[in-house]
C-alpha cells in the first residue's frame, strides 16, 4: 500500500508548466495596492518589485540603482516612488548605519473601506 505522501508527490510531479511567463517567475500582488488610486502607477510597480525581491531565498540585497534599471526608471524616480509608498504607509524604510543599505519593511496595512469584488455576469 502506498503512503499518502508518495501519492501526493506523484501528483505534483505531473504538473507541467508550458507557459514561459510563469516559468520565469511571478509575484503575487495585493489588490489593496493594485486598486489604490492614490498611489502613482510607478509606486505600485515599485511595490511589485519589492515583493519580487522579497520572495527570493530568504532575503535580498539589491541596490536602488539595480532596481531602478530593472524597472526602466532613474534612481531618483525610484526614490520618489519609495517615499510615496512610505508616506502611504505601505512600507517603512530603515537604515542602521549610513554605511549599510536600506531595509524595506512591507507593512501590514488594512483596507480603510472594504470593497466588494465585482460580480461576474454569466452568459
PDB file of N, CA and C in Angstrom:
ATOM      1  N   UNK A   1       0.850  -1.184   0.000  1.00  0.00           N
ATOM      2  CA  UNK A   1       0.000   0.000   0.000  1.00  0.00           C
ATOM      3  C   UNK A   1       0.895   1.247   0.000  1.00  0.00           C
ATOM      4  N   UNK A   2       0.565   2.209  -0.887  1.00  0.00           N
ATOM      5  CA  UNK A   2       1.371   3.426  -1.000  1.00  0.00           C
ATOM      6  C   UNK A   2       0.998   4.412   0.100  1.00  0.00           C
ATOM      7  N   UNK A   3       2.009   5.143   0.540  1.00  0.00           N
ATOM      8  CA  UNK A   3       1.769   6.185   1.536  1.00  0.00           C
ATOM      9  C   UNK A   3       1.159   7.403   0.842  1.00  0.00           C
ATOM     10  N   UNK A   4       0.396   8.166   1.605  1.00  0.00           N
ATOM     11  CA  UNK A   4      -0.259   9.365   1.077  1.00  0.00           C
ATOM     12  C   UNK A   4       0.763  10.351   0.531  1.00  0.00           C
ATOM     13  N   UNK A   5       1.879  10.510   1.217  1.00  0.00           N
ATOM     14  CA  UNK A   5       2.929  11.422   0.764  1.00  0.00           C
ATOM     15  C   UNK A   5       3.472  11.039  -0.605  1.00  0.00           C
ATOM     16  N   UNK A   6       3.620   9.712  -0.835  1.00  0.00           N
ATOM     17  CA  UNK A   6       4.113   9.244  -2.133  1.00  0.00           C
ATOM     18  C   UNK A   6       3.089   9.509  -3.228  1.00  0.00           C
ATOM     19  N   UNK A   7       1.822   9.322  -2.910  1.00  0.00           N
ATOM     20  CA  UNK A   7       0.752   9.584  -3.882  1.00  0.00           C
ATOM     21  C   UNK A   7       0.718  11.070  -4.232  1.00  0.00           C
ATOM     22  N   UNK A   8       0.813  11.920  -3.208  1.00  0.00           N
ATOM     23  CA  UNK A   8       0.808  13.361  -3.435  1.00  0.00           C
ATOM     24  C   UNK A   8       2.017  13.777  -4.261  1.00  0.00           C
ATOM     25  N   UNK A   9       3.165  13.199  -3.986  1.00  0.00           N
ATOM     26  CA  UNK A   9       4.377  13.536  -4.732  1.00  0.00           C
ATOM     27  C   UNK A   9       4.216  13.179  -6.199  1.00  0.00           C
ATOM     28  N   UNK A  10       3.608  12.051  -6.490  1.00  0.00           N
ATOM     29  CA  UNK A  10       3.388  11.660  -7.875  1.00  0.00           C
ATOM     30  C   UNK A  10       2.495  12.671  -8.583  1.00  0.00           C
ATOM     31  N   UNK A  11       1.469  13.154  -7.894  1.00  0.00           N
ATOM     32  CA  UNK A  11       0.581  14.152  -8.490  1.00  0.00           C
ATOM     33  C   UNK A  11       1.327  15.449  -8.764  1.00  0.00           C
ATOM     34  N   UNK A  12       2.136  15.876  -7.837  1.00  0.00           N
ATOM     35  CA  UNK A  12       2.895  17.110  -8.016  1.00  0.00           C
ATOM     36  C   UNK A  12       3.871  16.960  -9.169  1.00  0.00           C
ATOM     37  N   UNK A  13       4.481  15.805  -9.285  1.00  0.00           N
ATOM     38  CA  UNK A  13       5.445  15.575 -10.352  1.00  0.00           C
ATOM     39  C   UNK A  13       4.792  15.623 -11.726  1.00  0.00           C
ATOM     40  N   UNK A  14       3.492  15.520 -11.807  1.00  0.00           N
ATOM     41  CA  UNK A  14       2.796  15.531 -13.089  1.00  0.00           C
ATOM     42  C   UNK A  14       2.375  16.926 -13.524  1.00  0.00           C
ATOM     43  N   UNK A  15       2.627  17.920 -12.736  1.00  0.00           N
ATOM     44  CA  UNK A  15       2.282  19.287 -13.123  1.00  0.00           C
ATOM     45  C   UNK A  15       3.380  19.808 -14.028  1.00  0.00           C
ATOM     46  N   UNK A  16       2.989  20.220 -15.219  1.00  0.00           N
ATOM     47  CA  UNK A  16       3.943  20.722 -16.193  1.00  0.00           C
ATOM     48  C   UNK A  16       3.555  22.154 -16.542  1.00  0.00           C
ATOM     49  N   UNK A  17       4.498  23.070 -16.445  1.00  0.00           N
ATOM     50  CA  UNK A  17       4.245  24.460 -16.798  1.00  0.00           C
ATOM     51  C   UNK A  17       4.845  24.706 -18.176  1.00  0.00           C
ATOM     52  N   UNK A  18       3.991  24.922 -19.173  1.00  0.00           N
ATOM     53  CA  UNK A  18       4.459  25.215 -20.517  1.00  0.00           C
ATOM     54  C   UNK A  18       4.471  26.711 -20.795  1.00  0.00           C
ATOM     55  N   UNK A  19       3.874  27.491 -19.937  1.00  0.00           N
ATOM     56  CA  UNK A  19       3.816  28.938 -20.110  1.00  0.00           C
ATOM     57  C   UNK A  19       5.146  29.534 -19.663  1.00  0.00           C
ATOM     58  N   UNK A  20       5.928  30.048 -20.611  1.00  0.00           N
ATOM     59  CA  UNK A  20       7.246  30.582 -20.298  1.00  0.00           C
ATOM     60  C   UNK A  20       7.172  31.770 -19.342  1.00  0.00           C
ATOM     61  N   UNK A  21       6.089  32.556 -19.407  1.00  0.00           N
ATOM     62  CA  UNK A  21       5.933  33.674 -18.478  1.00  0.00           C
ATOM     63  C   UNK A  21       5.877  33.182 -17.036  1.00  0.00           C
ATOM     64  N   UNK A  22       5.142  32.110 -16.789  1.00  0.00           N
ATOM     65  CA  UNK A  22       5.052  31.557 -15.435  1.00  0.00           C
ATOM     66  C   UNK A  22       6.357  30.889 -15.015  1.00  0.00           C
ATOM     67  N   UNK A  23       7.012  30.239 -15.943  1.00  0.00           N
ATOM     68  CA  UNK A  23       8.273  29.566 -15.617  1.00  0.00           C
ATOM     69  C   UNK A  23       9.350  30.572 -15.229  1.00  0.00           C
ATOM     70  N   UNK A  24       9.257  31.792 -15.742  1.00  0.00           N
ATOM     71  CA  UNK A  24      10.236  32.828 -15.419  1.00  0.00           C
ATOM     72  C   UNK A  24      10.013  33.402 -14.025  1.00  0.00           C
ATOM     73  N   UNK A  25       8.865  33.095 -13.411  1.00  0.00           N
ATOM     74  CA  UNK A  25       8.555  33.561 -12.071  1.00  0.00           C
ATOM     75  C   UNK A  25       7.517  34.669 -12.081  1.00  0.00           C
ATOM     76  N   UNK A  26       6.892  34.881 -10.936  1.00  0.00           N
ATOM     77  CA  UNK A  26       5.880  35.920 -10.798  1.00  0.00           C
ATOM     78  C   UNK A  26       5.756  36.290  -9.336  1.00  0.00           C
ATOM     79  N   UNK A  27       5.131  37.435  -9.093  1.00  0.00           N
ATOM     80  CA  UNK A  27       4.895  37.878  -7.722  1.00  0.00           C
ATOM     81  C   UNK A  27       3.397  38.044  -7.522  1.00  0.00           C
ATOM     82  N   UNK A  28       2.897  37.560  -6.410  1.00  0.00           N
ATOM     83  CA  UNK A  28       1.503  37.816  -6.047  1.00  0.00           C
ATOM     84  C   UNK A  28       1.410  39.290  -5.667  1.00  0.00           C
ATOM     85  N   UNK A  29       0.401  39.944  -6.154  1.00  0.00           N
ATOM     86  CA  UNK A  29       0.280  41.387  -5.949  1.00  0.00           C
ATOM     87  C   UNK A  29      -1.040  41.682  -5.252  1.00  0.00           C
ATOM     88  N   UNK A  30      -1.007  42.291  -4.061  1.00  0.00           N
ATOM     89  CA  UNK A  30      -2.243  42.522  -3.303  1.00  0.00           C
ATOM     90  C   UNK A  30      -3.181  43.498  -4.013  1.00  0.00           C
ATOM     91  N   UNK A  31      -4.444  43.138  -4.052  1.00  0.00           N
ATOM     92  CA  UNK A  31      -5.455  44.014  -4.667  1.00  0.00           C
ATOM     93  C   UNK A  31      -5.492  45.384  -4.004  1.00  0.00           C
ATOM     94  N   UNK A  32      -5.249  45.439  -2.709  1.00  0.00           N
ATOM     95  CA  UNK A  32      -5.280  46.711  -1.984  1.00  0.00           C
ATOM     96  C   UNK A  32      -4.313  47.709  -2.615  1.00  0.00           C
ATOM     97  N   UNK A  33      -3.122  47.249  -2.943  1.00  0.00           N
ATOM     98  CA  UNK A  33      -2.127  48.120  -3.570  1.00  0.00           C
ATOM     99  C   UNK A  33      -2.502  48.391  -5.018  1.00  0.00           C
ATOM    100  N   UNK A  34      -2.899  47.354  -5.730  1.00  0.00           N
ATOM    101  CA  UNK A  34      -3.238  47.484  -7.139  1.00  0.00           C
ATOM    102  C   UNK A  34      -4.355  48.496  -7.361  1.00  0.00           C
ATOM    103  N   UNK A  35      -5.324  48.513  -6.481  1.00  0.00           N
ATOM    104  CA  UNK A  35      -6.507  49.373  -6.648  1.00  0.00           C
ATOM    105  C   UNK A  35      -6.382  50.733  -5.968  1.00  0.00           C
ATOM    106  N   UNK A  36      -5.275  50.993  -5.297  1.00  0.00           N
ATOM    107  CA  UNK A  36      -5.127  52.253  -4.576  1.00  0.00           C
ATOM    108  C   UNK A  36      -4.792  53.373  -5.567  1.00  0.00           C
ATOM    109  N   UNK A  37      -5.803  54.090  -6.001  1.00  0.00           N
ATOM    110  CA  UNK A  37      -5.607  55.148  -6.998  1.00  0.00           C
ATOM    111  C   UNK A  37      -4.924  56.377  -6.412  1.00  0.00           C
ATOM    112  N   UNK A  38      -4.718  56.400  -5.110  1.00  0.00           N
ATOM    113  CA  UNK A  38      -3.928  57.478  -4.503  1.00  0.00           C
ATOM    114  C   UNK A  38      -2.440  57.286  -4.761  1.00  0.00           C
ATOM    115  N   UNK A  39      -2.046  56.068  -5.133  1.00  0.00           N
ATOM    116  CA  UNK A  39      -0.656  55.779  -5.475  1.00  0.00           C
ATOM    117  C   UNK A  39      -0.456  55.943  -6.972  1.00  0.00           C
ATOM    118  N   UNK A  40       0.701  56.445  -7.357  1.00  0.00           N
ATOM    119  CA  UNK A  40       1.028  56.517  -8.776  1.00  0.00           C
ATOM    120  C   UNK A  40       1.251  55.103  -9.305  1.00  0.00           C
ATOM    121  N   UNK A  41       1.158  54.971 -10.603  1.00  0.00           N
ATOM    122  CA  UNK A  41       1.429  53.675 -11.228  1.00  0.00           C
ATOM    123  C   UNK A  41       2.852  53.224 -10.915  1.00  0.00           C
ATOM    124  N   UNK A  42       3.785  54.175 -10.890  1.00  0.00           N
ATOM    125  CA  UNK A  42       5.172  53.849 -10.575  1.00  0.00           C
ATOM    126  C   UNK A  42       5.347  53.327  -9.163  1.00  0.00           C
ATOM    127  N   UNK A  43       4.620  53.886  -8.215  1.00  0.00           N
ATOM    128  CA  UNK A  43       4.701  53.412  -6.825  1.00  0.00           C
ATOM    129  C   UNK A  43       4.140  51.999  -6.724  1.00  0.00           C
ATOM    130  N   UNK A  44       3.070  51.725  -7.453  1.00  0.00           N
ATOM    131  CA  UNK A  44       2.503  50.370  -7.442  1.00  0.00           C
ATOM    132  C   UNK A  44       3.481  49.366  -8.050  1.00  0.00           C
ATOM    133  N   UNK A  45       4.130  49.771  -9.146  1.00  0.00           N
ATOM    134  CA  UNK A  45       5.128  48.906  -9.772  1.00  0.00           C
ATOM    135  C   UNK A  45       6.307  48.683  -8.822  1.00  0.00           C
ATOM    136  N   UNK A  46       6.703  49.718  -8.113  1.00  0.00           N
ATOM    137  CA  UNK A  46       7.791  49.603  -7.144  1.00  0.00           C
ATOM    138  C   UNK A  46       7.434  48.585  -6.067  1.00  0.00           C
ATOM    139  N   UNK A  47       6.199  48.616  -5.595  1.00  0.00           N
ATOM    140  CA  UNK A  47       5.751  47.641  -4.593  1.00  0.00           C
ATOM    141  C   UNK A  47       5.866  46.225  -5.162  1.00  0.00           C
ATOM    142  N   UNK A  48       5.482  46.056  -6.422  1.00  0.00           N
ATOM    143  CA  UNK A  48       5.581  44.740  -7.060  1.00  0.00           C
ATOM    144  C   UNK A  48       7.037  44.278  -7.123  1.00  0.00           C
ATOM    145  N   UNK A  49       7.957  45.183  -7.431  1.00  0.00           N
ATOM    146  CA  UNK A  49       9.370  44.830  -7.462  1.00  0.00           C
ATOM    147  C   UNK A  49       9.883  44.488  -6.071  1.00  0.00           C
ATOM    148  N   UNK A  50       9.456  45.220  -5.060  1.00  0.00           N
ATOM    149  CA  UNK A  50       9.852  44.882  -3.690  1.00  0.00           C
ATOM    150  C   UNK A  50       9.390  43.468  -3.335  1.00  0.00           C
ATOM    151  N   UNK A  51       8.174  43.121  -3.740  1.00  0.00           N
ATOM    152  CA  UNK A  51       7.667  41.764  -3.499  1.00  0.00           C
ATOM    153  C   UNK A  51       8.504  40.728  -4.241  1.00  0.00           C
ATOM    154  N   UNK A  52       8.839  41.042  -5.486  1.00  0.00           N
ATOM    155  CA  UNK A  52       9.633  40.109  -6.277  1.00  0.00           C
ATOM    156  C   UNK A  52      10.962  39.823  -5.569  1.00  0.00           C
ATOM    157  N   UNK A  53      11.624  40.866  -5.102  1.00  0.00           N
ATOM    158  CA  UNK A  53      12.892  40.682  -4.413  1.00  0.00           C
ATOM    159  C   UNK A  53      12.696  40.009  -3.054  1.00  0.00           C
ATOM    160  N   UNK A  54      11.607  40.323  -2.377  1.00  0.00           N
ATOM    161  CA  UNK A  54      11.364  39.760  -1.043  1.00  0.00           C
ATOM    162  C   UNK A  54      11.195  38.252  -1.080  1.00  0.00           C
ATOM    163  N   UNK A  55      10.647  37.704  -2.155  1.00  0.00           N
ATOM    164  CA  UNK A  55      10.401  36.268  -2.225  1.00  0.00           C
ATOM    165  C   UNK A  55      11.642  35.483  -2.625  1.00  0.00           C
ATOM    166  N   UNK A  56      12.747  36.148  -2.898  1.00  0.00           N
ATOM    167  CA  UNK A  56      13.975  35.427  -3.231  1.00  0.00           C
ATOM    168  C   UNK A  56      14.551  34.830  -1.964  1.00  0.00           C
ATOM    169  N   UNK A  57      15.079  33.692  -2.066  1.00  0.00           N
ATOM    170  CA  UNK A  57      15.617  32.870  -0.996  1.00  0.00           C
ATOM    171  C   UNK A  57      15.988  33.572   0.304  1.00  0.00           C
ATOM    172  N   UNK A  58      15.028  33.799   1.137  1.00  0.00           N
ATOM    173  CA  UNK A  58      15.278  34.321   2.470  1.00  0.00           C
ATOM    174  C   UNK A  58      15.396  35.825   2.533  1.00  0.00           C
ATOM    175  N   UNK A  59      16.338  36.394   1.812  1.00  0.00           N
ATOM    176  CA  UNK A  59      16.492  37.838   1.808  1.00  0.00           C
ATOM    177  C   UNK A  59      17.216  38.239   0.542  1.00  0.00           C
ATOM    178  N   UNK A  60      17.218  39.512   0.284  1.00  0.00           N
ATOM    179  CA  UNK A  60      17.813  40.007  -0.942  1.00  0.00           C
ATOM    180  C   UNK A  60      18.472  41.345  -0.661  1.00  0.00           C
ATOM    181  N   UNK A  61      19.588  41.586  -1.265  1.00  0.00           N
ATOM    182  CA  UNK A  61      20.307  42.836  -1.076  1.00  0.00           C
ATOM    183  C   UNK A  61      20.483  43.509  -2.428  1.00  0.00           C
ATOM    184  N   UNK A  62      19.423  44.056  -2.971  1.00  0.00           N
ATOM    185  CA  UNK A  62      19.524  44.740  -4.251  1.00  0.00           C
ATOM    186  C   UNK A  62      19.773  46.222  -4.038  1.00  0.00           C
ATOM    187  N   UNK A  63      20.552  46.795  -4.894  1.00  0.00           N
ATOM    188  CA  UNK A  63      20.815  48.223  -4.832  1.00  0.00           C
ATOM    189  C   UNK A  63      19.687  48.968  -5.517  1.00  0.00           C
ATOM    190  N   UNK A  64      19.450  50.205  -5.089  1.00  0.00           N
ATOM    191  CA  UNK A  64      18.429  51.020  -5.736  1.00  0.00           C
ATOM    192  C   UNK A  64      18.743  51.188  -7.218  1.00  0.00           C
ATOM    193  N   UNK A  65      20.011  51.335  -7.554  1.00  0.00           N
ATOM    194  CA  UNK A  65      20.385  51.508  -8.955  1.00  0.00           C
ATOM    195  C   UNK A  65      19.985  50.292  -9.787  1.00  0.00           C
ATOM    196  N   UNK A  66      20.193  49.096  -9.233  1.00  0.00           N
ATOM    197  CA  UNK A  66      19.821  47.863  -9.938  1.00  0.00           C
ATOM    198  C   UNK A  66      18.316  47.750 -10.083  1.00  0.00           C
ATOM    199  N   UNK A  67      17.603  48.083  -9.020  1.00  0.00           N
ATOM    200  CA  UNK A  67      16.146  48.014  -9.052  1.00  0.00           C
ATOM    201  C   UNK A  67      15.593  49.031 -10.045  1.00  0.00           C
ATOM    202  N   UNK A  68      16.136  50.242 -10.039  1.00  0.00           N
ATOM    203  CA  UNK A  68      15.687  51.281 -10.972  1.00  0.00           C
ATOM    204  C   UNK A  68      15.924  50.841 -12.412  1.00  0.00           C
ATOM    205  N   UNK A  69      17.090  50.264 -12.667  1.00  0.00           N
ATOM    206  CA  UNK A  69      17.411  49.798 -14.019  1.00  0.00           C
ATOM    207  C   UNK A  69      16.428  48.710 -14.456  1.00  0.00           C
ATOM    208  N   UNK A  70      16.137  47.761 -13.563  1.00  0.00           N
ATOM    209  CA  UNK A  70      15.191  46.689 -13.884  1.00  0.00           C
ATOM    210  C   UNK A  70      13.793  47.240 -14.169  1.00  0.00           C
ATOM    211  N   UNK A  71      13.424  48.346 -13.503  1.00  0.00           N
ATOM    212  CA  UNK A  71      12.113  48.960 -13.700  1.00  0.00           C
ATOM    213  C   UNK A  71      12.079  49.896 -14.896  1.00  0.00           C
ATOM    214  N   UNK A  72      13.261  50.301 -15.382  1.00  0.00           N
ATOM    215  CA  UNK A  72      13.323  51.226 -16.501  1.00  0.00           C
ATOM    216  C   UNK A  72      13.106  52.676 -16.099  1.00  0.00           C
ATOM    217  N   UNK A  73      13.503  53.017 -14.862  1.00  0.00           N
ATOM    218  CA  UNK A  73      13.372  54.389 -14.368  1.00  0.00           C
ATOM    219  C   UNK A  73      14.722  54.832 -13.806  1.00  0.00           C
ATOM    220  N   UNK A  74      14.852  56.116 -13.526  1.00  0.00           N
ATOM    221  CA  UNK A  74      16.078  56.623 -12.908  1.00  0.00           C
ATOM    222  C   UNK A  74      16.084  56.287 -11.411  1.00  0.00           C
ATOM    223  N   UNK A  75      17.275  56.321 -10.830  1.00  0.00           N
ATOM    224  CA  UNK A  75      17.384  56.080  -9.384  1.00  0.00           C
ATOM    225  C   UNK A  75      16.591  57.118  -8.607  1.00  0.00           C
ATOM    226  N   UNK A  76      16.625  58.350  -9.058  1.00  0.00           N
ATOM    227  CA  UNK A  76      15.887  59.430  -8.379  1.00  0.00           C
ATOM    228  C   UNK A  76      14.383  59.170  -8.429  1.00  0.00           C
ATOM    229  N   UNK A  77      13.888  58.722  -9.593  1.00  0.00           N
ATOM    230  CA  UNK A  77      12.453  58.431  -9.708  1.00  0.00           C
ATOM    231  C   UNK A  77      12.067  57.276  -8.800  1.00  0.00           C
ATOM    232  N   UNK A  78      12.919  56.251  -8.717  1.00  0.00           N
ATOM    233  CA  UNK A  78      12.653  55.132  -7.813  1.00  0.00           C
ATOM    234  C   UNK A  78      12.564  55.628  -6.377  1.00  0.00           C
ATOM    235  N   UNK A  79      13.452  56.526  -5.980  1.00  0.00           N
ATOM    236  CA  UNK A  79      13.404  57.076  -4.625  1.00  0.00           C
ATOM    237  C   UNK A  79      12.076  57.782  -4.379  1.00  0.00           C
ATOM    238  N   UNK A  80      11.586  58.512  -5.359  1.00  0.00           N
ATOM    239  CA  UNK A  80      10.276  59.176  -5.208  1.00  0.00           C
ATOM    240  C   UNK A  80       9.166  58.145  -4.988  1.00  0.00           C
ATOM    241  N   UNK A  81       9.211  57.059  -5.747  1.00  0.00           N
ATOM    242  CA  UNK A  81       8.193  56.010  -5.581  1.00  0.00           C
ATOM    243  C   UNK A  81       8.292  55.361  -4.204  1.00  0.00           C
ATOM    244  N   UNK A  82       9.510  55.113  -3.742  1.00  0.00           N
ATOM    245  CA  UNK A  82       9.692  54.526  -2.416  1.00  0.00           C
ATOM    246  C   UNK A  82       9.169  55.457  -1.326  1.00  0.00           C
ATOM    247  N   UNK A  83       9.447  56.743  -1.447  1.00  0.00           N
ATOM    248  CA  UNK A  83       8.943  57.714  -0.464  1.00  0.00           C
ATOM    249  C   UNK A  83       7.423  57.815  -0.523  1.00  0.00           C
ATOM    250  N   UNK A  84       6.863  57.678  -1.712  1.00  0.00           N
ATOM    251  CA  UNK A  84       5.404  57.683  -1.866  1.00  0.00           C
ATOM    252  C   UNK A  84       4.793  56.485  -1.132  1.00  0.00           C
ATOM    253  N   UNK A  85       5.408  55.316  -1.288  1.00  0.00           N
ATOM    254  CA  UNK A  85       4.929  54.130  -0.574  1.00  0.00           C
ATOM    255  C   UNK A  85       5.085  54.287   0.933  1.00  0.00           C
ATOM    256  N   UNK A  86       6.159  54.932   1.353  1.00  0.00           N
ATOM    257  CA  UNK A  86       6.383  55.184   2.785  1.00  0.00           C
ATOM    258  C   UNK A  86       5.325  56.142   3.328  1.00  0.00           C
ATOM    259  N   UNK A  87       5.062  57.219   2.608  1.00  0.00           N
ATOM    260  CA  UNK A  87       4.057  58.197   3.034  1.00  0.00           C
ATOM    261  C   UNK A  87       2.677  57.560   3.132  1.00  0.00           C
ATOM    262  N   UNK A  88       2.379  56.663   2.196  1.00  0.00           N
ATOM    263  CA  UNK A  88       1.081  55.979   2.197  1.00  0.00           C
ATOM    264  C   UNK A  88       1.038  54.826   3.197  1.00  0.00           C
ATOM    265  N   UNK A  89       2.135  54.619   3.923  1.00  0.00           N
ATOM    266  CA  UNK A  89       2.258  53.594   4.965  1.00  0.00           C
ATOM    267  C   UNK A  89       2.139  52.162   4.452  1.00  0.00           C
ATOM    268  N   UNK A  90       2.656  51.949   3.240  1.00  0.00           N
ATOM    269  CA  UNK A  90       2.771  50.585   2.724  1.00  0.00           C
ATOM    270  C   UNK A  90       4.116  49.983   3.110  1.00  0.00           C
ATOM    271  N   UNK A  91       5.130  50.837   3.256  1.00  0.00           N
ATOM    272  CA  UNK A  91       6.453  50.355   3.622  1.00  0.00           C
ATOM    273  C   UNK A  91       7.062  51.263   4.689  1.00  0.00           C
ATOM    274  N   UNK A  92       8.068  50.720   5.373  1.00  0.00           N
ATOM    275  CA  UNK A  92       8.902  51.511   6.272  1.00  0.00           C
ATOM    276  C   UNK A  92      10.332  51.326   5.776  1.00  0.00           C
ATOM    277  N   UNK A  93      11.082  52.399   5.763  1.00  0.00           N
ATOM    278  CA  UNK A  93      12.463  52.358   5.303  1.00  0.00           C
ATOM    279  C   UNK A  93      13.361  52.633   6.500  1.00  0.00           C
ATOM    280  N   UNK A  94      14.264  51.718   6.775  1.00  0.00           N
ATOM    281  CA  UNK A  94      15.189  51.901   7.892  1.00  0.00           C
ATOM    282  C   UNK A  94      16.616  51.721   7.401  1.00  0.00           C
ATOM    283  N   UNK A  95      17.525  52.287   8.153  1.00  0.00           N
ATOM    284  CA  UNK A  95      18.952  52.113   7.884  1.00  0.00           C
ATOM    285  C   UNK A  95      19.652  52.218   9.223  1.00  0.00           C
ATOM    286  N   UNK A  96      20.345  51.167   9.600  1.00  0.00           N
ATOM    287  CA  UNK A  96      21.012  51.155  10.899  1.00  0.00           C
ATOM    288  C   UNK A  96      22.237  52.053  10.927  1.00  0.00           C
ATOM    289  N   UNK A  97      22.884  52.186   9.791  1.00  0.00           N
ATOM    290  CA  UNK A  97      24.122  52.958   9.728  1.00  0.00           C
ATOM    291  C   UNK A  97      24.272  53.436   8.284  1.00  0.00           C
ATOM    292  N   UNK A  98      24.792  54.611   8.070  1.00  0.00           N
ATOM    293  CA  UNK A  98      24.937  55.142   6.711  1.00  0.00           C
ATOM    294  C   UNK A  98      25.833  54.281   5.836  1.00  0.00           C
ATOM    295  N   UNK A  99      26.631  53.423   6.440  1.00  0.00           N
ATOM    296  CA  UNK A  99      27.495  52.534   5.666  1.00  0.00           C
ATOM    297  C   UNK A  99      26.720  51.355   5.086  1.00  0.00           C
ATOM    298  N   UNK A 100      25.500  51.105   5.580  1.00  0.00           N
ATOM    299  CA  UNK A 100      24.730  49.947   5.155  1.00  0.00           C
ATOM    300  C   UNK A 100      23.587  50.360   4.243  1.00  0.00           C
ATOM    301  N   UNK A 101      23.034  49.370   3.548  1.00  0.00           N
ATOM    302  CA  UNK A 101      21.894  49.603   2.670  1.00  0.00           C
ATOM    303  C   UNK A 101      20.609  49.788   3.464  1.00  0.00           C
ATOM    304  N   UNK A 102      19.618  50.350   2.797  1.00  0.00           N
ATOM    305  CA  UNK A 102      18.300  50.490   3.406  1.00  0.00           C
ATOM    306  C   UNK A 102      17.663  49.121   3.607  1.00  0.00           C
ATOM    307  N   UNK A 103      16.788  49.042   4.581  1.00  0.00           N
ATOM    308  CA  UNK A 103      15.925  47.886   4.770  1.00  0.00           C
ATOM    309  C   UNK A 103      14.509  48.354   4.501  1.00  0.00           C
ATOM    310  N   UNK A 104      13.801  47.631   3.647  1.00  0.00           N
ATOM    311  CA  UNK A 104      12.421  47.975   3.299  1.00  0.00           C
ATOM    312  C   UNK A 104      11.511  46.964   3.983  1.00  0.00           C
ATOM    313  N   UNK A 105      10.628  47.463   4.814  1.00  0.00           N
ATOM    314  CA  UNK A 105       9.707  46.610   5.566  1.00  0.00           C
ATOM    315  C   UNK A 105       8.318  46.805   4.977  1.00  0.00           C
ATOM    316  N   UNK A 106       7.747  45.712   4.457  1.00  0.00           N
ATOM    317  CA  UNK A 106       6.398  45.758   3.900  1.00  0.00           C
ATOM    318  C   UNK A 106       5.419  45.665   5.061  1.00  0.00           C
ATOM    319  N   UNK A 107       4.669  46.724   5.260  1.00  0.00           N
ATOM    320  CA  UNK A 107       3.806  46.839   6.435  1.00  0.00           C
ATOM    321  C   UNK A 107       2.466  46.132   6.231  1.00  0.00           C
ATOM    322  N   UNK A 108       1.854  45.773   7.338  1.00  0.00           N
ATOM    323  CA  UNK A 108       0.530  45.156   7.346  1.00  0.00           C
ATOM    324  C   UNK A 108      -0.493  46.283   7.328  1.00  0.00           C
ATOM    325  N   UNK A 109      -0.890  46.678   6.143  1.00  0.00           N
ATOM    326  CA  UNK A 109      -1.830  47.791   6.003  1.00  0.00           C
ATOM    327  C   UNK A 109      -3.216  47.234   5.723  1.00  0.00           C
ATOM    328  N   UNK A 110      -4.145  47.617   6.540  1.00  0.00           N
ATOM    329  CA  UNK A 110      -5.522  47.142   6.399  1.00  0.00           C
ATOM    330  C   UNK A 110      -6.322  48.104   5.526  1.00  0.00           C
ATOM    331  N   UNK A 111      -7.234  47.570   4.746  1.00  0.00           N
ATOM    332  CA  UNK A 111      -8.074  48.467   3.943  1.00  0.00           C
ATOM    333  C   UNK A 111      -8.925  49.351   4.847  1.00  0.00           C
ATOM    334  N   UNK A 112      -9.066  50.619   4.472  1.00  0.00           N
ATOM    335  CA  UNK A 112      -9.897  51.517   5.266  1.00  0.00           C
ATOM    336  C   UNK A 112     -11.367  51.282   4.961  1.00  0.00           C
ATOM    337  N   UNK A 113     -11.649  50.837   3.767  1.00  0.00           N
ATOM    338  CA  UNK A 113     -13.023  50.541   3.382  1.00  0.00           C
ATOM    339  C   UNK A 113     -13.011  49.250   2.580  1.00  0.00           C
ATOM    340  N   UNK A 114     -13.751  48.265   3.028  1.00  0.00           N
ATOM    341  CA  UNK A 114     -13.798  47.006   2.309  1.00  0.00           C
ATOM    342  C   UNK A 114     -14.612  47.186   1.035  1.00  0.00           C
ATOM    343  N   UNK A 115     -14.052  46.719  -0.046  1.00  0.00           N
ATOM    344  CA  UNK A 115     -14.741  46.809  -1.333  1.00  0.00           C
ATOM    345  C   UNK A 115     -15.252  45.443  -1.714  1.00  0.00           C
ATOM    346  N   UNK A 116     -16.433  45.416  -2.288  1.00  0.00           N
ATOM    347  CA  UNK A 116     -16.961  44.161  -2.781  1.00  0.00           C
ATOM    348  C   UNK A 116     -16.272  43.832  -4.088  1.00  0.00           C
ATOM    349  N   UNK A 117     -16.018  42.569  -4.282  1.00  0.00           N
ATOM    350  CA  UNK A 117     -15.482  42.143  -5.564  1.00  0.00           C
ATOM    351  C   UNK A 117     -16.586  42.265  -6.599  1.00  0.00           C
ATOM    352  N   UNK A 118     -16.263  42.697  -7.806  1.00  0.00           N
ATOM    353  CA  UNK A 118     -17.295  42.827  -8.824  1.00  0.00           C
ATOM    354  C   UNK A 118     -17.870  41.453  -9.175  1.00  0.00           C
ATOM    355  N   UNK A 119     -19.173  41.428  -9.347  1.00  0.00           N
ATOM    356  CA  UNK A 119     -19.824  40.163  -9.711  1.00  0.00           C
ATOM    357  C   UNK A 119     -19.607  39.907 -11.189  1.00  0.00           C
ATOM    358  N   UNK A 120     -19.334  38.667 -11.515  1.00  0.00           N
ATOM    359  CA  UNK A 120     -19.154  38.296 -12.915  1.00  0.00           C
ATOM    360  C   UNK A 120     -20.501  37.856 -13.463  1.00  0.00           C
ATOM    361  N   UNK A 121     -20.853  38.386 -14.593  1.00  0.00           N
ATOM    362  CA  UNK A 121     -22.111  38.028 -15.219  1.00  0.00           C
ATOM    363  C   UNK A 121     -21.938  36.734 -16.004  1.00  0.00           C
ATOM    364  N   UNK A 122     -22.881  35.869 -15.847  1.00  0.00           N
ATOM    365  CA  UNK A 122     -22.824  34.592 -16.577  1.00  0.00           C
ATOM    366  C   UNK A 122     -23.631  34.732 -17.853  1.00  0.00           C
ATOM    367  N   UNK A 123     -23.062  34.208 -18.922  1.00  0.00           N
ATOM    368  CA  UNK A 123     -23.757  34.263 -20.218  1.00  0.00           C
ATOM    369  C   UNK A 123     -24.574  33.024 -20.434  1.00  0.00           C
TER     370      UNK A 123
END
